C-alpha atoms as a PDB file:
ATOM      1  CA  MET A   1      -3.435 -11.349 -50.752  1.00  0.00           C
ATOM      2  CA  ILE A   2      -4.240  -8.968 -47.936  1.00  0.00           C
ATOM      3  CA  PRO A   3      -5.145  -5.423 -49.031  1.00  0.00           C
ATOM      4  CA  VAL A   4      -2.667  -2.688 -48.222  1.00  0.00           C
ATOM      5  CA  LEU A   5      -5.147  -0.812 -46.084  1.00  0.00           C
ATOM      6  CA  GLU A   6      -5.692  -3.903 -43.951  1.00  0.00           C
ATOM      7  CA  GLN A   7      -1.922  -4.353 -43.576  1.00  0.00           C
ATOM      8  CA  VAL A   8      -1.526  -0.704 -42.498  1.00  0.00           C
ATOM      9  CA  ARG A   9      -4.321  -1.061 -39.937  1.00  0.00           C
ATOM     10  CA  ALA A  10      -2.750  -4.263 -38.584  1.00  0.00           C
ATOM     11  CA  PHE A  11       0.688  -2.645 -38.340  1.00  0.00           C
ATOM     12  CA  GLY A  12      -0.786   0.452 -36.681  1.00  0.00           C
ATOM     13  CA  SER A  13      -2.598  -1.667 -34.104  1.00  0.00           C
ATOM     14  CA  VAL A  14       0.598  -3.630 -33.396  1.00  0.00           C
ATOM     15  CA  VAL A  15       2.518  -0.353 -32.940  1.00  0.00           C
ATOM     16  CA  LEU A  16      -0.174   0.866 -30.593  1.00  0.00           C
ATOM     17  CA  THR A  17       0.107  -2.404 -28.733  1.00  0.00           C
ATOM     18  CA  GLY A  18       3.770  -1.630 -28.161  1.00  0.00           C
ATOM     19  CA  VAL A  19       2.793   1.825 -26.848  1.00  0.00           C
ATOM     20  CA  LEU A  20       0.206   0.219 -24.534  1.00  0.00           C
ATOM     21  CA  ILE A  21       2.874  -2.218 -23.186  1.00  0.00           C
ATOM     22  CA  GLY A  22       5.154   0.730 -22.520  1.00  0.00           C
ATOM     23  CA  PHE A  23       2.367   2.609 -20.748  1.00  0.00           C
ATOM     24  CA  LEU A  24       1.512  -0.423 -18.586  1.00  0.00           C
ATOM     25  CA  LEU A  25       5.203  -0.827 -17.795  1.00  0.00           C
ATOM     26  CA  ASP A  26       5.382   2.801 -16.653  1.00  0.00           C
ATOM     27  CA  LEU A  27       2.274   2.331 -14.447  1.00  0.00           C
ATOM     28  CA  TYR A  28       3.949  -0.732 -12.900  1.00  0.00           C
ATOM     29  CA  ARG A  29       7.227   1.191 -12.420  1.00  0.00           C
ATOM     30  CA  SER A  30       5.363   4.054 -10.645  1.00  0.00           C
ATOM     31  CA  TRP A  31       3.568   1.510  -8.453  1.00  0.00           C
ATOM     32  CA  ARG A  32       6.982   0.036  -7.540  1.00  0.00           C
ATOM     33  CA  TRP A  33       8.270   3.577  -6.760  1.00  0.00           C
ATOM     34  CA  LEU A  34       5.264   4.189  -4.534  1.00  0.00           C
ATOM     35  CA  VAL A  35       5.158   0.886  -2.632  1.00  0.00           C
ATOM     36  CA  LYS A  36       8.855  -0.244  -2.719  1.00  0.00           C
ATOM     37  CA  PRO A  37       7.844  -3.896  -2.493  1.00  0.00           C
ATOM     38  CA  GLY A  38      11.279  -5.606  -1.979  1.00  0.00           C
ATOM     39  CA  ARG A  39      12.633  -8.616  -3.788  1.00  0.00           C
ATOM     40  CA  LEU A  40       9.731 -10.984  -3.234  1.00  0.00           C
ATOM     41  CA  GLY A  41       7.123  -8.332  -4.047  1.00  0.00           C
ATOM     42  CA  THR A  42       9.010  -7.247  -7.160  1.00  0.00           C
ATOM     43  CA  GLY A  43       9.153 -10.809  -8.441  1.00  0.00           C
ATOM     44  CA  MET A  44       5.464 -11.314  -7.790  1.00  0.00           C
ATOM     45  CA  GLY A  45       4.695  -7.981  -9.431  1.00  0.00           C
ATOM     46  CA  ASP A  46       6.725  -8.899 -12.494  1.00  0.00           C
ATOM     47  CA  VAL A  47       4.827 -12.149 -12.899  1.00  0.00           C
ATOM     48  CA  LEU A  48       1.519 -10.320 -12.425  1.00  0.00           C
ATOM     49  CA  PHE A  49       2.579  -7.651 -14.924  1.00  0.00           C
ATOM     50  CA  TRP A  50       3.310 -10.248 -17.603  1.00  0.00           C
ATOM     51  CA  LEU A  51       0.155 -12.189 -16.786  1.00  0.00           C
ATOM     52  CA  VAL A  52      -1.757  -8.952 -17.609  1.00  0.00           C
ATOM     53  CA  VAL A  53       0.330  -7.792 -20.564  1.00  0.00           C
ATOM     54  CA  THR A  54       0.594 -11.099 -22.461  1.00  0.00           C
ATOM     55  CA  PRO A  55      -3.173 -11.834 -22.801  1.00  0.00           C
ATOM     56  CA  THR A  56      -3.807  -8.204 -23.656  1.00  0.00           C
ATOM     57  CA  ALA A  57      -1.158  -8.225 -26.437  1.00  0.00           C
ATOM     58  CA  LEU A  58      -2.502 -11.604 -27.636  1.00  0.00           C
ATOM     59  CA  ALA A  59      -6.088 -10.320 -27.753  1.00  0.00           C
ATOM     60  CA  ILE A  60      -5.046  -7.202 -29.758  1.00  0.00           C
ATOM     61  CA  LEU A  61      -2.969  -9.439 -32.076  1.00  0.00           C
ATOM     62  CA  LEU A  62      -5.952 -11.738 -32.592  1.00  0.00           C
ATOM     63  CA  TRP A  63      -8.261  -8.770 -33.278  1.00  0.00           C
ATOM     64  CA  SER A  64      -5.882  -6.912 -35.601  1.00  0.00           C
ATOM     65  CA  ASN A  65      -4.516  -9.621 -37.887  1.00  0.00           C
ATOM     66  CA  ASN A  66      -6.212 -12.858 -36.927  1.00  0.00           C
ATOM     67  CA  GLY A  67      -3.308 -13.964 -34.786  1.00  0.00           C
ATOM     68  CA  ASP A  68      -0.690 -14.133 -37.550  1.00  0.00           C
ATOM     69  CA  LEU A  69       2.678 -13.822 -35.816  1.00  0.00           C
ATOM     70  CA  ARG A  70       5.048 -12.437 -38.444  1.00  0.00           C
ATOM     71  CA  GLY A  71       8.192 -10.345 -38.352  1.00  0.00           C
ATOM     72  CA  TYR A  72       6.348  -7.072 -38.753  1.00  0.00           C
ATOM     73  CA  VAL A  73       4.364  -7.814 -35.601  1.00  0.00           C
ATOM     74  CA  LEU A  74       7.482  -8.038 -33.449  1.00  0.00           C
ATOM     75  CA  LEU A  75       8.982  -5.052 -35.275  1.00  0.00           C
ATOM     76  CA  GLY A  76       5.838  -2.970 -34.792  1.00  0.00           C
ATOM     77  CA  MET A  77       5.570  -3.818 -31.083  1.00  0.00           C
ATOM     78  CA  PHE A  78       9.217  -2.911 -30.627  1.00  0.00           C
ATOM     79  CA  LEU A  79       8.897   0.336 -32.558  1.00  0.00           C
ATOM     80  CA  GLY A  80       5.780   1.295 -30.591  1.00  0.00           C
ATOM     81  CA  TRP A  81       7.472   0.510 -27.242  1.00  0.00           C
ATOM     82  CA  TYR A  82      10.684   2.312 -28.303  1.00  0.00           C
ATOM     83  CA  ALA A  83       8.808   5.441 -29.478  1.00  0.00           C
ATOM     84  CA  TYR A  84       6.850   5.489 -26.232  1.00  0.00           C
ATOM     85  CA  ALA A  85       9.963   4.988 -24.082  1.00  0.00           C
ATOM     86  CA  ARG A  86      11.859   7.654 -26.020  1.00  0.00           C
ATOM     87  CA  TYR A  87       9.225  10.382 -26.140  1.00  0.00           C
ATOM     88  CA  LEU A  88       6.483   9.740 -23.596  1.00  0.00           C
ATOM     89  CA  SER A  89       7.801   7.570 -20.782  1.00  0.00           C
ATOM     90  CA  PHE A  90       9.417  10.274 -18.745  1.00  0.00           C
ATOM     91  CA  ARG A  91       6.295  12.502 -18.917  1.00  0.00           C
ATOM     92  CA  VAL A  92       3.980   9.647 -17.913  1.00  0.00           C
ATOM     93  CA  GLN A  93       6.188   8.523 -15.039  1.00  0.00           C
ATOM     94  CA  SER A  94       6.611  12.045 -13.687  1.00  0.00           C
ATOM     95  CA  GLY A  95       2.904  12.665 -14.082  1.00  0.00           C
ATOM     96  CA  THR A  96       1.888   9.469 -12.312  1.00  0.00           C
ATOM     97  CA  ARG A  97       4.383  10.109  -9.502  1.00  0.00           C
ATOM     98  CA  ARG A  98       3.074  13.705  -9.132  1.00  0.00           C
ATOM     99  CA  PHE A  99      -0.467  12.286  -9.117  1.00  0.00           C
ATOM    100  CA  TRP A 100       0.380   9.907  -6.273  1.00  0.00           C
ATOM    101  CA  VAL A 101       2.113  12.618  -4.252  1.00  0.00           C
ATOM    102  CA  VAL A 102      -0.845  14.985  -4.612  1.00  0.00           C
ATOM    103  CA  ALA A 103      -3.336  12.138  -3.920  1.00  0.00           C
ATOM    104  CA  GLY A 104      -1.424  11.225  -0.775  1.00  0.00           C
ATOM    105  CA  ARG A 105      -1.383  14.794   0.446  1.00  0.00           C
ATOM    106  CA  THR A 106      -5.080  15.251  -0.337  1.00  0.00           C
ATOM    107  CA  TRP A 107      -5.860  12.041   1.455  1.00  0.00           C
ATOM    108  CA  SER A 108      -3.833  13.178   4.482  1.00  0.00           C
ATOM    109  CA  VAL A 109      -5.732  16.483   4.605  1.00  0.00           C
ATOM    110  CA  VAL A 110      -9.116  14.768   4.301  1.00  0.00           C
ATOM    111  CA  ILE A 111      -8.195  12.342   7.092  1.00  0.00           C
ATOM    112  CA  ARG A 112      -7.067  15.212   9.337  1.00  0.00           C
ATOM    113  CA  MET A 113     -10.317  17.065   8.646  1.00  0.00           C
ATOM    114  CA  VAL A 114     -12.443  14.106   9.466  1.00  0.00           C
ATOM    115  CA  LEU A 115     -10.466  13.131  12.606  1.00  0.00           C
ATOM    116  CA  TRP A 116      -9.987  16.685  13.909  1.00  0.00           C
ATOM    117  CA  PRO A 117     -13.340  16.764  15.804  1.00  0.00           C
ATOM    118  CA  LEU A 118     -12.472  13.426  17.426  1.00  0.00           C
ATOM    119  CA  ALA A 119      -9.066  14.794  18.461  1.00  0.00           C
ATOM    120  CA  VAL A 120     -10.751  17.829  20.069  1.00  0.00           C
ATOM    121  CA  VAL A 121     -13.181  15.558  22.003  1.00  0.00           C
ATOM    122  CA  VAL A 122     -10.277  13.379  23.188  1.00  0.00           C
ATOM    123  CA  ARG A 123      -8.346  16.400  24.363  1.00  0.00           C
ATOM    124  CA  ILE A 124     -11.335  17.695  26.261  1.00  0.00           C
ATOM    125  CA  VAL A 125     -12.218  14.375  27.887  1.00  0.00           C
ATOM    126  CA  ARG A 126      -8.652  13.173  28.485  1.00  0.00           C
ATOM    127  CA  VAL A 127      -7.852  15.304  31.530  1.00  0.00           C
ATOM    128  CA  PRO A 128     -10.919  14.348  33.608  1.00  0.00           C
ATOM    129  CA  LEU A 129     -10.572  10.705  32.601  1.00  0.00           C
ATOM    130  CA  LEU A 130      -6.886  10.690  33.604  1.00  0.00           C
ATOM    131  CA  ALA A 131      -7.734  12.312  36.937  1.00  0.00           C
ATOM    132  CA  ALA A 132     -10.507   9.767  37.543  1.00  0.00           C
ATOM    133  CA  SER A 133      -8.363   6.850  36.606  1.00  0.00           C
ATOM    134  CA  LEU A 134      -5.545   8.057  38.854  1.00  0.00           C
ATOM    135  CA  GLY A 135      -7.990   8.444  41.712  1.00  0.00           C
ATOM    136  CA  LEU A 136      -9.387   4.974  41.013  1.00  0.00           C
ATOM    137  CA  TRP A 137      -5.859   3.563  41.011  1.00  0.00           C
ATOM    138  CA  HIS A 138      -5.072   5.103  44.370  1.00  0.00           C
ATOM    139  CA  ALA A 139      -8.437   3.935  45.763  1.00  0.00           C
ATOM    140  CA  LEU A 140      -7.715   0.395  44.627  1.00  0.00           C
ATOM    141  CA  ARG A 141      -4.278   0.485  46.266  1.00  0.00           C
ATOM    142  CA  VAL A 142      -5.836   1.583  49.523  1.00  0.00           C
ATOM    143  CA  ILE A 143      -8.548  -1.086  49.330  1.00  0.00           C
ATOM    144  CA  ARG A 144      -5.997  -3.695  48.497  1.00  0.00           C
ATOM    145  CA  GLY A 145      -3.837  -2.529  51.373  1.00  0.00           C
ATOM    146  CA  VAL A 146      -6.797  -2.671  53.769  1.00  0.00           C
ATOM    147  CA  GLY A 147      -7.589  -6.146  52.618  1.00  0.00           C
ATOM    148  CA  ARG A 148      -4.040  -7.249  53.475  1.00  0.00           C
ATOM    149  CA  LEU A 149      -4.089  -5.670  56.887  1.00  0.00           C
ATOM    150  CA  PRO A 150      -4.939  -8.849  58.890  1.00  0.00           C
ATOM    151  CA  VAL A 151      -2.104 -10.723  57.134  1.00  0.00           C
ATOM    152  CA  ARG A 152       0.313  -7.900  57.954  1.00  0.00           C
ATOM    153  CA  LEU A 153      -0.796  -7.816  61.567  1.00  0.00           C
ATOM    154  CA  VAL A 154      -0.225 -11.527  62.016  1.00  0.00           C
ATOM    155  CA  ARG A 155       3.208 -11.377  60.379  1.00  0.00           C
ATOM    156  CA  GLY A 156       4.233  -8.447  62.520  1.00  0.00           C
ATOM    157  CA  PHE A 157       2.943 -10.191  65.619  1.00  0.00           C
ATOM    158  CA  ARG A 158       4.916 -13.356  64.769  1.00  0.00           C
ATOM    159  CA  ARG A 159       8.107 -11.318  64.189  1.00  0.00           C
ATOM    160  CA  ARG A 160       7.874  -9.447  67.446  1.00  0.00           C
ATOM    161  CA  PHE A 161       6.745 -12.280  69.653  1.00  0.00           C
ATOM    162  CA  ARG A 162       8.632 -15.396  68.671  1.00  0.00           C
ATOM    163  CA  TRP A 163       7.520 -18.528  70.355  1.00  0.00           C
ATOM    164  CA  PRO A 164      10.258 -20.347  72.181  1.00  0.00           C
ATOM    165  CA  LYS A 165      11.398 -23.526  70.466  1.00  0.00           C
ATOM    166  CA  GLY A 166      10.854 -26.505  72.519  1.00  0.00           C
END
């Protein structure tokens, strides 16, 4: 016979396992809200979620009650998940979403601060480079035109002075 204290500890760990599964589900849901993966990505994410959750729940089950799968285990996991979903899920989801929004804004500000000196240098150098490239383009057109001058002269000569057909 298993002592009562051991049974309470096992039941409590199973309830906490249900809470942990609910928390992991909320993290996955906030990731899906952030990334919006589509049908294929959602299916792959679901498979990956269960590949993470199942061994975790099994390891906790093995640790807490030596892997005995009884009715109270399923009941405890369900009660833990239900309590979490009822009282904590909304807070965790809104907190993780707020975290991702703030992290994205912070990241944007950091990137702007890092790239700002580069943008200033580009604005300073852009005008002379554009002028130089425009001048180079015109110079290349003139050079190309001068290179074609003998061909143009011969064509013009042939058009003006047609040889009589004999």
